[in-house]
Amino acid sequence: MENQTGFIVKVFVVSALLSLLIRYMGPSLGIGGTTTNVLIMVLSPSLIMAIALLSRLPSKG
């Protein structure tokens, strides 16, 4: 049980640090808030995960 709790705490801390990094350092990147940029940022994680999972499928042949 301690192992799972430790893992959850680590994920929470990393997530909080990433959130703070994005909040305070993100505006200095100079990326415009256009519709295209927003779509790329929102859809990229899903597409990356889909590609990663599809590459693990066994091939027929």
PDB file of N, CA and C in Angstrom:
ATOM      1  N   MET A   1       0.817  -1.195   0.000  1.00  0.00           N
ATOM      2  CA  MET A   1       0.000   0.000   0.000  1.00  0.00           C
ATOM      3  C   MET A   1       0.865   1.265   0.000  1.00  0.00           C
ATOM      4  N   GLU A   2       1.987   1.225   0.718  1.00  0.00           N
ATOM      5  CA  GLU A   2       2.868   2.388   0.751  1.00  0.00           C
ATOM      6  C   GLU A   2       3.439   2.698  -0.626  1.00  0.00           C
ATOM      7  N   ASN A   3       3.724   1.651  -1.388  1.00  0.00           N
ATOM      8  CA  ASN A   3       4.285   1.843  -2.713  1.00  0.00           C
ATOM      9  C   ASN A   3       3.309   2.598  -3.607  1.00  0.00           C
ATOM     10  N   GLN A   4       2.028   2.234  -3.563  1.00  0.00           N
ATOM     11  CA  GLN A   4       1.024   2.912  -4.374  1.00  0.00           C
ATOM     12  C   GLN A   4       0.827   4.347  -3.905  1.00  0.00           C
ATOM     13  N   THR A   5       0.811   4.548  -2.600  1.00  0.00           N
ATOM     14  CA  THR A   5       0.651   5.898  -2.067  1.00  0.00           C
ATOM     15  C   THR A   5       1.837   6.774  -2.458  1.00  0.00           C
ATOM     16  N   GLY A   6       3.024   6.236  -2.374  1.00  0.00           N
ATOM     17  CA  GLY A   6       4.208   6.985  -2.777  1.00  0.00           C
ATOM     18  C   GLY A   6       4.171   7.359  -4.244  1.00  0.00           C
ATOM     19  N   PHE A   7       3.724   6.435  -5.075  1.00  0.00           N
ATOM     20  CA  PHE A   7       3.627   6.709  -6.508  1.00  0.00           C
ATOM     21  C   PHE A   7       2.614   7.823  -6.775  1.00  0.00           C
ATOM     22  N   ILE A   8       1.472   7.759  -6.097  1.00  0.00           N
ATOM     23  CA  ILE A   8       0.438   8.782  -6.284  1.00  0.00           C
ATOM     24  C   ILE A   8       0.946  10.144  -5.830  1.00  0.00           C
ATOM     25  N   VAL A   9       1.663  10.180  -4.728  1.00  0.00           N
ATOM     26  CA  VAL A   9       2.220  11.446  -4.244  1.00  0.00           C
ATOM     27  C   VAL A   9       3.244  11.992  -5.233  1.00  0.00           C
ATOM     28  N   LYS A  10       4.093  11.132  -5.783  1.00  0.00           N
ATOM     29  CA  LYS A  10       5.083  11.573  -6.767  1.00  0.00           C
ATOM     30  C   LYS A  10       4.406  12.140  -8.011  1.00  0.00           C
ATOM     31  N   VAL A  11       3.372  11.466  -8.496  1.00  0.00           N
ATOM     32  CA  VAL A  11       2.650  11.955  -9.675  1.00  0.00           C
ATOM     33  C   VAL A  11       1.999  13.298  -9.371  1.00  0.00           C
ATOM     34  N   PHE A  12       1.427  13.437  -8.179  1.00  0.00           N
ATOM     35  CA  PHE A  12       0.793  14.686  -7.786  1.00  0.00           C
ATOM     36  C   PHE A  12       1.806  15.826  -7.732  1.00  0.00           C
ATOM     37  N   VAL A  13       2.969  15.582  -7.158  1.00  0.00           N
ATOM     38  CA  VAL A  13       3.999  16.618  -7.038  1.00  0.00           C
ATOM     39  C   VAL A  13       4.517  17.021  -8.416  1.00  0.00           C
ATOM     40  N   VAL A  14       4.790  16.050  -9.266  1.00  0.00           N
ATOM     41  CA  VAL A  14       5.269  16.363 -10.618  1.00  0.00           C
ATOM     42  C   VAL A  14       4.206  17.138 -11.391  1.00  0.00           C
ATOM     43  N   SER A  15       2.951  16.754 -11.240  1.00  0.00           N
ATOM     44  CA  SER A  15       1.862  17.455 -11.908  1.00  0.00           C
ATOM     45  C   SER A  15       1.751  18.893 -11.415  1.00  0.00           C
ATOM     46  N   ALA A  16       1.870  19.099 -10.118  1.00  0.00           N
ATOM     47  CA  ALA A  16       1.798  20.450  -9.564  1.00  0.00           C
ATOM     48  C   ALA A  16       2.959  21.305 -10.058  1.00  0.00           C
ATOM     49  N   LEU A  17       4.163  20.736 -10.092  1.00  0.00           N
ATOM     50  CA  LEU A  17       5.324  21.482 -10.583  1.00  0.00           C
ATOM     51  C   LEU A  17       5.180  21.839 -12.057  1.00  0.00           C
ATOM     52  N   LEU A  18       4.681  20.897 -12.844  1.00  0.00           N
ATOM     53  CA  LEU A  18       4.464  21.163 -14.265  1.00  0.00           C
ATOM     54  C   LEU A  18       3.411  22.251 -14.456  1.00  0.00           C
ATOM     55  N   SER A  19       2.368  22.210 -13.646  1.00  0.00           N
ATOM     56  CA  SER A  19       1.325  23.223 -13.713  1.00  0.00           C
ATOM     57  C   SER A  19       1.879  24.607 -13.388  1.00  0.00           C
ATOM     58  N   LEU A  20       2.688  24.696 -12.343  1.00  0.00           N
ATOM     59  CA  LEU A  20       3.293  25.980 -11.986  1.00  0.00           C
ATOM     60  C   LEU A  20       4.252  26.462 -13.071  1.00  0.00           C
ATOM     61  N   LEU A  21       5.008  25.545 -13.643  1.00  0.00           N
ATOM     62  CA  LEU A  21       5.927  25.897 -14.720  1.00  0.00           C
ATOM     63  C   LEU A  21       5.171  26.468 -15.916  1.00  0.00           C
ATOM     64  N   ILE A  22       4.081  25.827 -16.284  1.00  0.00           N
ATOM     65  CA  ILE A  22       3.285  26.308 -17.415  1.00  0.00           C
ATOM     66  C   ILE A  22       2.658  27.657 -17.091  1.00  0.00           C
ATOM     67  N   ARG A  23       2.156  27.800 -15.869  1.00  0.00           N
ATOM     68  CA  ARG A  23       1.468  29.034 -15.495  1.00  0.00           C
ATOM     69  C   ARG A  23       2.407  30.239 -15.490  1.00  0.00           C
ATOM     70  N   TYR A  24       3.586  30.083 -14.914  1.00  0.00           N
ATOM     71  CA  TYR A  24       4.460  31.235 -14.735  1.00  0.00           C
ATOM     72  C   TYR A  24       5.514  31.392 -15.823  1.00  0.00           C
ATOM     73  N   MET A  25       5.912  30.322 -16.475  1.00  0.00           N
ATOM     74  CA  MET A  25       6.926  30.422 -17.520  1.00  0.00           C
ATOM     75  C   MET A  25       6.311  30.380 -18.918  1.00  0.00           C
ATOM     76  N   GLY A  26       5.096  29.904 -19.033  1.00  0.00           N
ATOM     77  CA  GLY A  26       4.440  29.783 -20.327  1.00  0.00           C
ATOM     78  C   GLY A  26       4.285  31.086 -21.082  1.00  0.00           C
ATOM     79  N   PRO A  27       3.846  32.164 -20.410  1.00  0.00           N
ATOM     80  CA  PRO A  27       3.680  33.426 -21.142  1.00  0.00           C
ATOM     81  C   PRO A  27       4.971  33.966 -21.752  1.00  0.00           C
ATOM     82  N   SER A  28       6.113  33.595 -21.209  1.00  0.00           N
ATOM     83  CA  SER A  28       7.375  34.094 -21.760  1.00  0.00           C
ATOM     84  C   SER A  28       7.772  33.378 -23.048  1.00  0.00           C
ATOM     85  N   LEU A  29       7.057  32.309 -23.408  1.00  0.00           N
ATOM     86  CA  LEU A  29       7.379  31.591 -24.642  1.00  0.00           C
ATOM     87  C   LEU A  29       6.956  32.354 -25.886  1.00  0.00           C
ATOM     88  N   GLY A  30       5.958  33.214 -25.761  1.00  0.00           N
ATOM     89  CA  GLY A  30       5.531  34.025 -26.886  1.00  0.00           C
ATOM     90  C   GLY A  30       4.707  33.278 -27.920  1.00  0.00           C
ATOM     91  N   ILE A  31       3.978  32.257 -27.502  1.00  0.00           N
ATOM     92  CA  ILE A  31       3.109  31.517 -28.414  1.00  0.00           C
ATOM     93  C   ILE A  31       1.753  32.207 -28.430  1.00  0.00           C
ATOM     94  N   GLY A  32       1.290  32.576 -29.617  1.00  0.00           N
ATOM     95  CA  GLY A  32       0.017  33.259 -29.741  1.00  0.00           C
ATOM     96  C   GLY A  32      -1.162  32.345 -29.445  1.00  0.00           C
ATOM     97  N   GLY A  33      -2.262  32.931 -28.997  1.00  0.00           N
ATOM     98  CA  GLY A  33      -3.446  32.156 -28.651  1.00  0.00           C
ATOM     99  C   GLY A  33      -4.391  31.978 -29.825  1.00  0.00           C
ATOM    100  N   THR A  34      -3.884  31.550 -30.954  1.00  0.00           N
ATOM    101  CA  THR A  34      -4.737  31.353 -32.120  1.00  0.00           C
ATOM    102  C   THR A  34      -5.442  30.005 -32.034  1.00  0.00           C
ATOM    103  N   THR A  35      -6.474  29.856 -32.816  1.00  0.00           N
ATOM    104  CA  THR A  35      -7.235  28.613 -32.824  1.00  0.00           C
ATOM    105  C   THR A  35      -6.361  27.434 -33.231  1.00  0.00           C
ATOM    106  N   THR A  36      -5.502  27.634 -34.191  1.00  0.00           N
ATOM    107  CA  THR A  36      -4.620  26.557 -34.647  1.00  0.00           C
ATOM    108  C   THR A  36      -3.681  26.099 -33.537  1.00  0.00           C
ATOM    109  N   ASN A  37      -3.078  27.046 -32.841  1.00  0.00           N
ATOM    110  CA  ASN A  37      -2.170  26.680 -31.750  1.00  0.00           C
ATOM    111  C   ASN A  37      -2.898  25.948 -30.633  1.00  0.00           C
ATOM    112  N   VAL A  38      -4.102  26.390 -30.320  1.00  0.00           N
ATOM    113  CA  VAL A  38      -4.881  25.735 -29.264  1.00  0.00           C
ATOM    114  C   VAL A  38      -5.227  24.312 -29.672  1.00  0.00           C
ATOM    115  N   LEU A  39      -5.657  24.106 -30.902  1.00  0.00           N
ATOM    116  CA  LEU A  39      -5.983  22.757 -31.372  1.00  0.00           C
ATOM    117  C   LEU A  39      -4.763  21.846 -31.335  1.00  0.00           C
ATOM    118  N   ILE A  40      -3.626  22.362 -31.733  1.00  0.00           N
ATOM    119  CA  ILE A  40      -2.398  21.560 -31.697  1.00  0.00           C
ATOM    120  C   ILE A  40      -2.068  21.163 -30.268  1.00  0.00           C
ATOM    121  N   MET A  41      -2.161  22.108 -29.333  1.00  0.00           N
ATOM    122  CA  MET A  41      -1.818  21.810 -27.937  1.00  0.00           C
ATOM    123  C   MET A  41      -2.811  20.855 -27.286  1.00  0.00           C
ATOM    124  N   VAL A  42      -4.081  20.946 -27.666  1.00  0.00           N
ATOM    125  CA  VAL A  42      -5.100  20.090 -27.052  1.00  0.00           C
ATOM    126  C   VAL A  42      -5.066  18.686 -27.645  1.00  0.00           C
ATOM    127  N   LEU A  43      -4.867  18.568 -28.950  1.00  0.00           N
ATOM    128  CA  LEU A  43      -4.955  17.267 -29.606  1.00  0.00           C
ATOM    129  C   LEU A  43      -3.636  16.491 -29.632  1.00  0.00           C
ATOM    130  N   SER A  44      -2.521  17.161 -29.454  1.00  0.00           N
ATOM    131  CA  SER A  44      -1.223  16.480 -29.515  1.00  0.00           C
ATOM    132  C   SER A  44      -1.076  15.330 -28.522  1.00  0.00           C
ATOM    133  N   PRO A  45      -1.414  15.501 -27.244  1.00  0.00           N
ATOM    134  CA  PRO A  45      -1.246  14.371 -26.315  1.00  0.00           C
ATOM    135  C   PRO A  45      -2.055  13.140 -26.715  1.00  0.00           C
ATOM    136  N   SER A  46      -3.286  13.345 -27.176  1.00  0.00           N
ATOM    137  CA  SER A  46      -4.114  12.211 -27.589  1.00  0.00           C
ATOM    138  C   SER A  46      -3.535  11.519 -28.816  1.00  0.00           C
ATOM    139  N   LEU A  47      -3.056  12.297 -29.763  1.00  0.00           N
ATOM    140  CA  LEU A  47      -2.472  11.706 -30.966  1.00  0.00           C
ATOM    141  C   LEU A  47      -1.181  10.959 -30.650  1.00  0.00           C
ATOM    142  N   ILE A  48      -0.370  11.512 -29.773  1.00  0.00           N
ATOM    143  CA  ILE A  48       0.875  10.839 -29.394  1.00  0.00           C
ATOM    144  C   ILE A  48       0.573   9.518 -28.707  1.00  0.00           C
ATOM    145  N   MET A  49      -0.408   9.510 -27.792  1.00  0.00           N
ATOM    146  CA  MET A  49      -0.773   8.271 -27.100  1.00  0.00           C
ATOM    147  C   MET A  49      -1.355   7.254 -28.079  1.00  0.00           C
ATOM    148  N   ALA A  50      -2.175   7.702 -29.023  1.00  0.00           N
ATOM    149  CA  ALA A  50      -2.752   6.788 -30.005  1.00  0.00           C
ATOM    150  C   ALA A  50      -1.661   6.146 -30.854  1.00  0.00           C
ATOM    151  N   ILE A  51      -0.704   6.928 -31.290  1.00  0.00           N
ATOM    152  CA  ILE A  51       0.397   6.390 -32.091  1.00  0.00           C
ATOM    153  C   ILE A  51       1.223   5.409 -31.268  1.00  0.00           C
ATOM    154  N   ALA A  52       1.493   5.765 -30.014  1.00  0.00           N
ATOM    155  CA  ALA A  52       2.282   4.874 -29.153  1.00  0.00           C
ATOM    156  C   ALA A  52       1.558   3.553 -28.916  1.00  0.00           C
ATOM    157  N   LEU A  53       0.253   3.611 -28.680  1.00  0.00           N
ATOM    158  CA  LEU A  53      -0.498   2.382 -28.423  1.00  0.00           C
ATOM    159  C   LEU A  53      -0.682   1.553 -29.693  1.00  0.00           C
ATOM    160  N   LEU A  54      -0.897   2.214 -30.823  1.00  0.00           N
ATOM    161  CA  LEU A  54      -1.054   1.478 -32.078  1.00  0.00           C
ATOM    162  C   LEU A  54       0.246   0.795 -32.490  1.00  0.00           C
ATOM    163  N   SER A  55       1.366   1.384 -32.138  1.00  0.00           N
ATOM    164  CA  SER A  55       2.643   0.763 -32.494  1.00  0.00           C
ATOM    165  C   SER A  55       2.898  -0.509 -31.695  1.00  0.00           C
ATOM    166  N   ARG A  56       2.189  -0.696 -30.603  1.00  0.00           N
ATOM    167  CA  ARG A  56       2.369  -1.887 -29.770  1.00  0.00           C
ATOM    168  C   ARG A  56       1.470  -3.043 -30.200  1.00  0.00           C
ATOM    169  N   LEU A  57       0.555  -2.794 -31.126  1.00  0.00           N
ATOM    170  CA  LEU A  57      -0.314  -3.868 -31.606  1.00  0.00           C
ATOM    171  C   LEU A  57       0.515  -4.918 -32.341  1.00  0.00           C
ATOM    172  N   PRO A  58       0.187  -6.183 -32.132  1.00  0.00           N
ATOM    173  CA  PRO A  58       0.923  -7.217 -32.872  1.00  0.00           C
ATOM    174  C   PRO A  58       0.566  -7.163 -34.359  1.00  0.00           C
ATOM    175  N   SER A  59       1.568  -7.316 -35.186  1.00  0.00           N
ATOM    176  CA  SER A  59       1.319  -7.277 -36.628  1.00  0.00           C
ATOM    177  C   SER A  59       0.946  -8.665 -37.131  1.00  0.00           C
ATOM    178  N   LYS A  60       0.057  -8.684 -38.122  1.00  0.00           N
ATOM    179  CA  LYS A  60      -0.344  -9.953 -38.742  1.00  0.00           C
ATOM    180  C   LYS A  60       0.585 -10.199 -39.919  1.00  0.00           C
ATOM    181  N   GLY A  61       1.277 -11.253 -39.878  1.00  0.00           N
ATOM    182  CA  GLY A  61       2.140 -11.482 -41.008  1.00  0.00           C
ATOM    183  C   GLY A  61       3.199 -12.398 -40.701  1.00  0.00           C
TER     184      GLY A  61
END
